[in-house]
Amino acid sequence: MNFSEEINKIPIIKIISSFADESKTEVFMVGGVVRDLILKRERSDLDFLVIGNSLEFAENVAKQLGIKKVSKFKNFGTAHFRYENFDVEFVGARKESYNRNSRKPIVEDGTFEDDIKRRDFTINAMAISLNKNNFGELIDLFNGYEDLQSKLIRTPLDPFHTFDDDPLRIMRAFRFASQLEFNVDDSIMNAARQMKERLRIVSQERITDEFLKILSSPKPSIGLKLLYDAEVLEIIFPEIHNLAGVDQRQDYHHKDVFLHTLIVVDNISKATENVWLRFAALVHDIAKPQTKKFVEGIGWTFHGHEELGARMMKNIFHRMKLPMNKLEYVEKLVRLHLRPIALAKEEVTDSAIRRLIVQAGEDLQDLITLCRADITSKNPQKVEMYLANYDAVMKKVLEVQEKDKLRAFQSPVSGDEIMRICNLKPSKKVGEIKKAIEDAILDGVIENNYEAAMSYLLKIKDKFLKSEDSK
């Protein structure tokens, strides 16, 4: 099979090929770039395998392209530079061995075959020759092309060996399956189950990076379900693993929260590529196992799971080394995810809508997106009814915003003015008075303007000052 026509469209190929023949060096395009070329996926990084001195080869190619900055890593025999819109990397053929307590390889020079068989999956173990005598020819020692056609993730060697060398490859198997919507070979599932504990030698940052890539894939449930089936989720995210299972009492049962969550995550992934909104969908019911209670005559309840779930986020963010600047956003969405549906009633007050607007702030639309994704009923009429309810809430939100011109709400009377009028120093009491004014506006007791707020301050200040004097 020959791909000369396809690879000739890549600007740097002719220069590399020409220099390869001139220097009598075997050079191949290799790995993910070959896979994506066959799948017709866009790619901005190009990997080349050099049988010989890769650092010297990269320097010479860079010189011909007028590139002065080449990053070199002698221990691994790799060199890297930017060319036009591409990240270009050259690596020397190598073989690797591993210490069982580390995923950092001991690297030695190797043959083409040594280098290909050290790779993680057959679909990443294909190469295309760039030398003139067989330019564009696909070299496929482990039937990677056939696996691409069959949509199958397999390892070139026994997966026990592959995962023992680098346990992160367990995560990568499920990440590729999720990104490409492929199946995973049974041998990988079996090895992953038996070797899941090996993931403990991998840094949390690397595991989290792969997990977020699964969550960013077109249909995250593929990767998440594989993680669960291989018992890996129990190691990397036990709170999500613990959502699985159904209890039956009398005629009442509750749906499997894990399977429900997978549907919610897939639903929201059709609406957004924001991985943190997807993460909020993943964890929105995370506290249901702890709050599950059977009430006679009612059935299963999960009272307060939204509040407890929000409180669980801080520990999870710390443990998984997630970016702390996203914590407040996820906490907020988990805490508020039941609120909009409660506001879909005809008689809901403007003040209740105002409170939702203030609490959700600029994330209100994301909250509604989460709520809509949370509808997983198989009854089309029920789904239609719930969607109409959320549309009604958003209509009321727009009406209230139009009436009040309410955005990020603050008391029209400033703290400085409260201190001056009440003769107070900066203190907790100033905040309490300011909050009382804000609550009065939110509850519709007074209008949202300076005159009404000032008049209300004069009316309530003595009550607050009296309580201050009595202390």
Protein backbone atom coordinates (compact mmCIF):
# COMPACT_ATOMS: atom_id res chain seq x y z
CA MET A 1 0.00 0.00 0.00
CA ASN A 2 1.46 3.36 -1.03
CA PHE A 3 0.67 6.84 0.32
CA SER A 4 3.12 8.91 -1.76
CA GLU A 5 0.37 11.16 -3.12
CA GLU A 6 -0.99 11.95 0.37
CA ILE A 7 2.37 12.60 2.07
CA ASN A 8 3.65 14.78 -0.78
CA LYS A 9 1.01 17.34 0.25
CA ILE A 10 2.92 17.92 3.51
CA PRO A 11 5.40 20.77 2.82
CA ILE A 12 8.42 19.37 4.72
CA ILE A 13 8.33 15.84 3.25
CA LYS A 14 10.25 16.48 0.01
CA ILE A 15 13.12 18.16 1.88
CA ILE A 16 13.38 15.30 4.42
CA SER A 17 13.17 12.68 1.69
CA SER A 18 15.82 14.38 -0.42
CA PHE A 19 18.23 14.73 2.51
CA ALA A 20 17.57 11.12 3.60
CA ASP A 21 18.79 9.84 0.21
CA GLU A 22 21.66 12.31 0.06
CA SER A 23 22.91 11.22 3.52
CA LYS A 24 22.11 7.54 2.86
CA THR A 25 19.86 7.44 5.94
CA GLU A 26 16.67 5.43 6.30
CA VAL A 27 13.84 7.73 7.44
CA PHE A 28 10.17 6.99 8.07
CA MET A 29 7.07 8.93 8.97
CA VAL A 30 5.80 7.03 11.99
CA GLY A 31 3.13 6.64 14.68
CA GLY A 32 0.06 8.80 15.16
CA VAL A 33 0.64 10.88 12.04
CA VAL A 34 0.38 7.73 9.88
CA ARG A 35 -2.77 6.63 11.71
CA ASP A 36 -4.39 10.04 11.23
CA LEU A 37 -3.30 10.25 7.58
CA ILE A 38 -5.15 6.97 6.92
CA LEU A 39 -8.17 8.16 8.92
CA LYS A 40 -8.05 11.56 7.14
CA ARG A 41 -7.83 13.41 10.47
CA GLU A 42 -6.14 16.82 10.74
CA ARG A 43 -2.84 16.80 12.62
CA SER A 44 -0.31 19.50 13.49
CA ASP A 45 2.57 17.33 14.77
CA LEU A 46 4.79 15.18 12.57
CA ASP A 47 6.97 12.35 13.88
CA PHE A 48 9.90 10.89 11.95
CA LEU A 49 11.95 7.79 12.75
CA VAL A 50 15.63 7.98 11.77
CA ILE A 51 17.78 4.85 11.53
CA GLY A 52 20.99 6.53 12.60
CA ASN A 53 21.91 9.84 14.24
CA SER A 54 18.54 11.58 14.61
CA LEU A 55 19.97 14.74 16.26
CA GLU A 56 22.42 15.37 13.44
CA PHE A 57 19.77 14.58 10.82
CA ALA A 58 17.31 17.05 12.43
CA GLU A 59 20.00 19.78 12.59
CA ASN A 60 20.74 19.39 8.88
CA VAL A 61 17.06 19.46 7.88
CA ALA A 62 16.51 22.54 10.07
CA LYS A 63 19.50 24.27 8.44
CA GLN A 64 18.02 23.68 4.97
CA LEU A 65 14.72 25.17 6.16
CA GLY A 66 16.43 28.22 7.69
CA ILE A 67 15.37 27.21 11.23
CA LYS A 68 17.82 28.20 13.95
CA LYS A 69 16.20 26.81 17.08
CA VAL A 70 16.28 23.02 17.45
CA SER A 71 15.47 21.46 20.85
CA LYS A 72 17.53 18.32 21.46
CA PHE A 73 17.15 15.59 24.07
CA LYS A 74 20.27 13.43 23.85
CA ASN A 75 19.14 10.84 26.42
CA PHE A 76 16.17 9.90 24.25
CA GLY A 77 17.75 10.67 20.89
CA THR A 78 15.01 13.15 19.96
CA ALA A 79 15.09 16.56 18.32
CA HIS A 80 12.23 18.97 17.83
CA PHE A 81 11.50 22.22 15.97
CA ARG A 82 8.56 24.26 14.64
CA TYR A 83 8.07 24.59 10.89
CA GLU A 84 5.17 26.63 9.54
CA ASN A 85 2.15 25.27 11.47
CA PHE A 86 3.77 21.94 12.37
CA ASP A 87 5.56 20.56 15.42
CA VAL A 88 8.27 18.38 13.88
CA GLU A 89 10.07 15.66 15.86
CA PHE A 90 12.84 13.28 14.86
CA VAL A 91 13.66 10.22 16.95
CA GLY A 92 16.42 7.68 16.55
CA ALA A 93 15.45 3.99 16.39
CA ARG A 94 15.64 2.63 19.91
CA LYS A 95 14.71 -0.20 22.19
CA GLU A 96 13.54 0.29 25.75
CA SER A 97 13.62 -1.60 29.03
CA TYR A 98 11.91 -0.64 32.26
CA ASN A 99 12.43 -0.78 36.00
CA ARG A 100 9.15 -2.07 37.50
CA ASN A 101 8.94 0.91 39.88
CA SER A 102 9.14 3.53 37.16
CA ARG A 103 7.61 4.21 33.77
CA LYS A 104 10.79 6.01 32.62
CA PRO A 105 12.52 3.74 30.09
CA ILE A 106 16.18 2.78 29.90
CA VAL A 107 16.96 3.63 26.26
CA GLU A 108 19.41 1.89 23.92
CA ASP A 109 20.03 2.20 20.19
CA GLY A 110 17.90 -0.25 18.25
CA THR A 111 16.70 -1.39 14.85
CA PHE A 112 13.57 -0.33 12.96
CA GLU A 113 11.81 -3.46 14.31
CA ASP A 114 12.91 -2.68 17.90
CA ASP A 115 11.42 0.77 17.64
CA ILE A 116 8.12 -0.29 16.09
CA LYS A 117 7.41 -3.07 18.57
CA ARG A 118 8.00 -0.79 21.60
CA ARG A 119 4.99 1.31 20.55
CA ASP A 120 1.73 1.20 22.46
CA PHE A 121 -0.94 0.06 19.94
CA THR A 122 -0.92 -1.49 16.49
CA ILE A 123 -2.69 1.56 15.01
CA ASN A 124 0.26 3.67 16.25
CA ALA A 125 2.92 1.19 15.09
CA MET A 126 2.75 1.84 11.33
CA ALA A 127 5.41 3.65 9.32
CA ILE A 128 5.70 5.17 5.83
CA SER A 129 9.08 5.13 4.09
CA LEU A 130 10.49 8.47 2.89
CA ASN A 131 13.42 7.03 0.94
CA LYS A 132 13.34 7.19 -2.84
CA ASN A 133 13.48 3.43 -3.50
CA ASN A 134 10.19 2.78 -1.63
CA PHE A 135 8.83 6.30 -1.07
CA GLY A 136 5.30 6.32 0.39
CA GLU A 137 5.20 2.58 1.11
CA LEU A 138 3.29 1.58 4.26
CA ILE A 139 5.27 -0.71 6.57
CA ASP A 140 2.85 -2.46 8.91
CA LEU A 141 4.45 -5.24 10.98
CA PHE A 142 1.50 -5.73 13.36
CA ASN A 143 -1.57 -5.35 11.10
CA GLY A 144 -2.37 -1.85 12.31
CA TYR A 145 -4.06 -0.96 9.01
CA GLU A 146 -6.44 -3.90 9.38
CA ASP A 147 -7.19 -2.86 12.99
CA LEU A 148 -7.99 0.67 11.79
CA GLN A 149 -10.47 -0.77 9.31
CA SER A 150 -11.93 -3.03 12.02
CA LYS A 151 -12.00 -0.13 14.52
CA LEU A 152 -10.05 -2.14 17.07
CA ILE A 153 -7.45 -1.15 19.70
CA ARG A 154 -4.78 -3.89 20.11
CA THR A 155 -1.19 -3.93 21.39
CA PRO A 156 1.71 -5.05 19.14
CA LEU A 157 3.03 -7.33 21.91
CA ASP A 158 1.28 -9.17 24.72
CA PRO A 159 -0.68 -6.41 26.58
CA PHE A 160 0.65 -7.69 29.93
CA HIS A 161 4.15 -6.79 28.70
CA THR A 162 3.00 -3.49 27.17
CA PHE A 163 1.18 -2.37 30.35
CA ASP A 164 3.86 -3.65 32.70
CA ASP A 165 6.39 -1.43 30.92
CA ASP A 166 4.15 1.64 31.00
CA PRO A 167 0.84 1.34 32.94
CA LEU A 168 -0.36 4.70 31.57
CA ARG A 169 -1.02 2.80 28.33
CA ILE A 170 -4.09 1.33 30.05
CA MET A 171 -5.56 4.84 30.15
CA ARG A 172 -4.36 5.56 26.62
CA ALA A 173 -6.12 2.44 25.28
CA PHE A 174 -9.45 3.68 26.57
CA ARG A 175 -8.72 7.25 25.52
CA PHE A 176 -8.06 6.21 21.90
CA ALA A 177 -11.18 4.03 21.94
CA SER A 178 -13.20 7.02 23.13
CA GLN A 179 -11.66 9.53 20.71
CA LEU A 180 -11.93 7.26 17.67
CA GLU A 181 -15.09 5.40 18.79
CA PHE A 182 -13.25 2.07 18.47
CA ASN A 183 -13.61 -1.23 20.31
CA VAL A 184 -10.91 -2.59 22.63
CA ASP A 185 -9.52 -6.09 22.18
CA ASP A 186 -10.51 -8.55 24.95
CA SER A 187 -6.83 -9.20 25.72
CA ILE A 188 -6.43 -5.51 26.66
CA MET A 189 -9.49 -5.60 28.93
CA ASN A 190 -8.18 -8.72 30.67
CA ALA A 191 -4.69 -7.25 31.15
CA ALA A 192 -6.07 -3.90 32.35
CA ARG A 193 -8.18 -5.64 35.02
CA GLN A 194 -5.23 -7.62 36.31
CA MET A 195 -2.74 -4.75 36.14
CA LYS A 196 -4.87 -1.80 37.32
CA GLU A 197 -2.82 -1.49 40.54
CA ARG A 198 0.26 -0.70 38.39
CA LEU A 199 -1.35 2.68 37.67
CA ARG A 200 -0.29 3.73 41.18
CA ILE A 201 3.29 4.28 39.91
CA VAL A 202 2.02 6.80 37.35
CA SER A 203 1.90 10.49 38.32
CA GLN A 204 -1.58 11.84 39.05
CA GLU A 205 -1.06 14.60 36.48
CA ARG A 206 -0.60 12.07 33.66
CA ILE A 207 -3.63 10.02 34.71
CA THR A 208 -5.79 13.15 34.98
CA ASP A 209 -4.60 14.37 31.57
CA GLU A 210 -5.72 11.10 29.94
CA PHE A 211 -8.99 11.16 31.88
CA LEU A 212 -9.80 14.69 30.69
CA LYS A 213 -9.00 13.64 27.11
CA ILE A 214 -11.59 10.87 27.47
CA LEU A 215 -14.05 13.46 28.79
CA SER A 216 -13.23 15.71 25.81
CA SER A 217 -13.90 12.99 23.24
CA PRO A 218 -17.01 13.06 21.01
CA LYS A 219 -18.76 10.34 23.03
CA PRO A 220 -17.10 10.15 26.49
CA SER A 221 -19.30 7.25 27.65
CA ILE A 222 -17.22 4.88 25.50
CA GLY A 223 -14.05 5.53 27.50
CA LEU A 224 -15.84 5.89 30.85
CA LYS A 225 -17.66 2.56 30.42
CA LEU A 226 -14.40 0.84 29.46
CA LEU A 227 -12.72 2.29 32.57
CA TYR A 228 -15.58 0.89 34.65
CA ASP A 229 -15.67 -2.54 32.96
CA ALA A 230 -11.89 -2.92 33.37
CA GLU A 231 -12.23 -1.94 37.07
CA VAL A 232 -9.79 0.93 36.47
CA LEU A 233 -12.35 3.59 37.45
CA GLU A 234 -12.28 2.14 40.97
CA ILE A 235 -8.59 3.13 41.16
CA ILE A 236 -8.62 6.54 39.46
CA PHE A 237 -12.07 7.93 40.38
CA PRO A 238 -13.77 5.74 43.02
CA GLU A 239 -16.62 8.19 43.63
CA ILE A 240 -17.80 7.74 40.02
CA HIS A 241 -17.26 3.97 40.17
CA ASN A 242 -19.49 3.86 43.29
CA LEU A 243 -22.46 5.34 41.39
CA ALA A 244 -23.11 1.96 39.78
CA GLY A 245 -25.76 -0.41 41.04
CA VAL A 246 -29.52 -0.48 41.72
CA ASP A 247 -31.34 -1.26 44.96
CA GLN A 248 -34.83 -2.76 45.01
CA ARG A 249 -37.26 -2.28 47.92
CA GLN A 250 -40.86 -3.43 47.64
CA ASP A 251 -42.09 -2.07 44.30
CA TYR A 252 -39.54 0.74 44.24
CA HIS A 253 -36.16 0.77 42.55
CA HIS A 254 -33.88 3.61 41.52
CA LYS A 255 -32.11 3.73 38.19
CA ASP A 256 -28.39 2.96 38.03
CA VAL A 257 -26.82 6.37 38.68
CA PHE A 258 -23.62 5.48 36.80
CA LEU A 259 -25.49 4.55 33.60
CA HIS A 260 -27.67 7.65 34.01
CA THR A 261 -24.51 9.77 34.38
CA LEU A 262 -23.01 8.33 31.18
CA ILE A 263 -26.13 9.40 29.27
CA VAL A 264 -26.00 12.89 30.81
CA VAL A 265 -22.31 13.29 29.86
CA ASP A 266 -23.01 12.16 26.27
CA ASN A 267 -26.04 14.48 26.11
CA ILE A 268 -24.04 17.51 27.24
CA SER A 269 -21.15 16.63 24.92
CA LYS A 270 -23.49 17.15 21.96
CA ALA A 271 -24.09 20.70 23.20
CA THR A 272 -20.63 21.84 24.38
CA GLU A 273 -16.90 21.18 24.06
CA ASN A 274 -16.30 22.87 27.44
CA VAL A 275 -14.62 20.03 29.35
CA TRP A 276 -15.47 21.63 32.73
CA LEU A 277 -19.16 21.73 31.91
CA ARG A 278 -18.81 18.08 30.90
CA PHE A 279 -16.99 17.42 34.20
CA ALA A 280 -19.89 19.05 36.09
CA ALA A 281 -22.25 16.68 34.26
CA LEU A 282 -20.05 13.74 35.30
CA VAL A 283 -20.14 14.68 39.00
CA HIS A 284 -23.60 16.26 39.33
CA ASP A 285 -25.05 13.21 41.16
CA ILE A 286 -21.81 12.13 42.83
CA ALA A 287 -23.26 12.26 46.36
CA LYS A 288 -26.32 10.10 45.65
CA PRO A 289 -24.81 6.94 47.20
CA GLN A 290 -24.23 8.78 50.52
CA THR A 291 -27.68 10.42 50.59
CA LYS A 292 -29.74 7.43 49.42
CA LYS A 293 -32.65 6.69 51.76
CA PHE A 294 -35.78 4.60 51.42
CA VAL A 295 -38.94 6.32 52.68
CA GLU A 296 -42.05 4.19 53.14
CA GLY A 297 -44.81 5.18 50.71
CA ILE A 298 -42.48 7.46 48.75
CA GLY A 299 -39.59 5.28 47.67
CA TRP A 300 -35.94 6.19 47.23
CA THR A 301 -34.83 9.73 48.07
CA PHE A 302 -31.48 11.51 47.73
CA HIS A 303 -32.16 14.57 49.84
CA GLY A 304 -29.30 17.09 49.86
CA HIS A 305 -27.15 15.25 47.33
CA GLU A 306 -26.57 18.47 45.39
CA GLU A 307 -25.12 20.30 48.43
CA LEU A 308 -23.00 17.36 49.60
CA GLY A 309 -21.81 16.81 46.01
CA ALA A 310 -20.65 20.43 45.79
CA ARG A 311 -18.76 20.06 49.07
CA MET A 312 -17.01 16.92 47.81
CA MET A 313 -15.47 18.79 44.90
CA LYS A 314 -12.60 20.45 46.79
CA ASN A 315 -11.06 17.14 47.92
CA ILE A 316 -11.56 15.62 44.48
CA PHE A 317 -9.89 18.60 42.77
CA HIS A 318 -6.92 18.38 45.17
CA ARG A 319 -6.54 14.60 44.83
CA MET A 320 -6.83 14.56 41.05
CA LYS A 321 -4.66 17.67 40.71
CA LEU A 322 -7.34 19.47 38.70
CA PRO A 323 -6.93 23.22 38.15
CA MET A 324 -8.26 24.97 41.26
CA ASN A 325 -9.48 27.97 39.22
CA LYS A 326 -12.23 25.66 37.86
CA LEU A 327 -13.37 24.47 41.31
CA GLU A 328 -15.87 27.26 42.03
CA TYR A 329 -17.52 26.83 38.61
CA VAL A 330 -18.03 23.06 39.08
CA GLU A 331 -19.17 23.48 42.70
CA LYS A 332 -21.75 26.03 41.62
CA LEU A 333 -23.24 23.87 38.86
CA VAL A 334 -23.44 20.80 41.12
CA ARG A 335 -25.03 22.84 43.92
CA LEU A 336 -27.63 24.45 41.67
CA HIS A 337 -28.47 21.63 39.25
CA LEU A 338 -31.88 20.92 40.84
CA ARG A 339 -32.88 24.58 41.22
CA PRO A 340 -34.19 25.46 37.71
CA ILE A 341 -36.74 22.64 37.56
CA ALA A 342 -38.23 23.83 40.86
CA LEU A 343 -38.80 27.22 39.22
CA ALA A 344 -40.78 25.90 36.26
CA LYS A 345 -44.13 26.28 38.07
CA GLU A 346 -46.64 28.86 36.87
CA GLU A 347 -46.81 30.70 40.20
CA VAL A 348 -43.04 31.13 40.76
CA THR A 349 -42.18 34.64 41.97
CA ASP A 350 -39.85 37.13 40.35
CA SER A 351 -37.76 37.10 43.53
CA ALA A 352 -37.11 33.34 43.17
CA ILE A 353 -35.97 33.90 39.59
CA ARG A 354 -33.79 36.82 40.76
CA ARG A 355 -32.10 34.57 43.30
CA LEU A 356 -31.28 32.00 40.61
CA ILE A 357 -29.84 34.75 38.38
CA VAL A 358 -27.65 36.06 41.18
CA GLN A 359 -26.52 32.62 42.39
CA ALA A 360 -25.71 31.30 38.91
CA GLY A 361 -24.27 34.60 37.69
CA GLU A 362 -22.57 34.38 34.31
CA ASP A 363 -22.88 30.57 34.40
CA LEU A 364 -26.69 30.53 34.19
CA GLN A 365 -26.76 29.36 30.57
CA ASP A 366 -24.31 26.54 31.39
CA LEU A 367 -26.54 25.53 34.31
CA ILE A 368 -29.56 25.28 32.02
CA THR A 369 -27.47 23.29 29.50
CA LEU A 370 -26.62 20.86 32.31
CA CYS A 371 -30.26 20.61 33.40
CA ARG A 372 -31.41 19.87 29.86
CA ALA A 373 -28.72 17.17 29.51
CA ASP A 374 -29.94 15.65 32.79
CA ILE A 375 -33.22 14.55 31.15
CA THR A 376 -32.65 10.87 30.41
CA SER A 377 -36.21 9.51 30.33
CA LYS A 378 -37.04 7.07 27.54
CA ASN A 379 -40.53 8.56 27.38
CA PRO A 380 -40.51 11.20 24.57
CA GLN A 381 -43.51 13.05 26.05
CA LYS A 382 -41.78 13.33 29.41
CA VAL A 383 -38.61 14.64 27.76
CA GLU A 384 -40.63 17.19 25.81
CA MET A 385 -42.40 18.33 28.97
CA TYR A 386 -39.13 18.81 30.90
CA LEU A 387 -37.47 20.67 28.02
CA ALA A 388 -40.53 22.95 27.82
CA ASN A 389 -40.18 23.57 31.57
CA TYR A 390 -36.58 24.74 31.17
CA ASP A 391 -37.59 26.93 28.24
CA ALA A 392 -40.23 28.47 30.50
CA VAL A 393 -37.63 29.15 33.22
CA MET A 394 -35.31 30.87 30.74
CA LYS A 395 -38.23 32.92 29.43
CA LYS A 396 -38.96 34.08 32.99
CA VAL A 397 -35.27 34.85 33.50
CA LEU A 398 -35.25 37.08 30.43
CA GLU A 399 -38.44 38.80 31.57
CA VAL A 400 -37.03 39.53 35.04
CA GLN A 401 -33.71 40.70 33.59
CA GLU A 402 -35.56 42.99 31.24
CA LYS A 403 -37.64 44.40 34.10
CA ASP A 404 -34.78 44.89 36.50
CA LYS A 405 -31.82 45.31 34.19
CA LEU A 406 -30.28 42.90 36.67
CA ARG A 407 -26.86 41.49 35.83
CA ALA A 408 -24.21 40.99 38.51
CA PHE A 409 -26.30 42.27 41.38
CA GLN A 410 -25.00 44.59 44.12
CA SER A 411 -26.71 46.98 46.47
CA PRO A 412 -27.08 50.44 44.87
CA VAL A 413 -25.96 51.89 48.24
CA SER A 414 -22.23 51.34 48.77
CA GLY A 415 -20.50 50.15 51.93
CA ASP A 416 -18.86 53.57 52.33
CA GLU A 417 -22.26 55.25 52.36
CA ILE A 418 -23.59 52.77 54.93
CA MET A 419 -20.57 53.47 57.20
CA ARG A 420 -21.04 57.26 56.85
CA ILE A 421 -24.79 57.28 57.50
CA CYS A 422 -24.63 54.73 60.33
CA ASN A 423 -21.38 56.06 61.80
CA LEU A 424 -19.78 52.62 61.56
CA LYS A 425 -16.20 51.51 60.98
CA PRO A 426 -15.44 48.70 58.50
CA SER A 427 -17.02 45.64 60.10
CA LYS A 428 -19.25 42.61 59.68
CA LYS A 429 -22.25 44.83 60.56
CA VAL A 430 -21.75 46.88 57.38
CA GLY A 431 -21.97 43.69 55.30
CA GLU A 432 -25.13 42.60 57.14
CA ILE A 433 -26.86 45.92 56.40
CA LYS A 434 -25.79 45.79 52.75
CA LYS A 435 -27.08 42.21 52.45
CA ALA A 436 -30.42 43.23 54.01
CA ILE A 437 -30.82 45.87 51.27
CA GLU A 438 -29.88 43.33 48.55
CA ASP A 439 -32.34 40.76 49.97
CA ALA A 440 -35.11 43.36 49.98
CA ILE A 441 -34.51 44.01 46.28
CA LEU A 442 -34.28 40.28 45.46
CA ASP A 443 -37.54 39.64 47.34
CA GLY A 444 -39.32 42.49 45.55
CA VAL A 445 -39.83 44.50 48.78
CA ILE A 446 -38.19 47.57 47.19
CA GLU A 447 -37.26 48.55 43.66
CA ASN A 448 -33.74 48.11 42.32
CA ASN A 449 -32.63 51.76 42.34
CA TYR A 450 -30.57 54.11 44.50
CA GLU A 451 -33.47 56.15 45.94
CA ALA A 452 -35.44 53.09 47.07
CA ALA A 453 -32.31 51.45 48.54
CA MET A 454 -31.32 54.62 50.44
CA SER A 455 -34.84 55.06 51.81
CA TYR A 456 -34.81 51.43 52.95
CA LEU A 457 -31.41 51.90 54.62
CA LEU A 458 -32.75 54.82 56.66
CA LYS A 459 -35.75 52.70 57.63
CA ILE A 460 -33.77 49.65 58.86
CA LYS A 461 -30.54 51.14 60.18
CA ASP A 462 -31.76 51.73 63.75
CA LYS A 463 -32.69 48.04 64.12
CA PHE A 464 -29.16 46.99 63.16
CA LEU A 465 -27.48 49.68 65.25
CA LYS A 466 -29.61 48.75 68.26
CA SER A 467 -28.41 45.13 68.04
CA GLU A 468 -24.84 46.46 67.77
CA ASP A 469 -25.25 48.58 70.94
CA SER A 470 -26.65 45.68 72.94
CA LYS A 471 -23.47 43.63 72.49
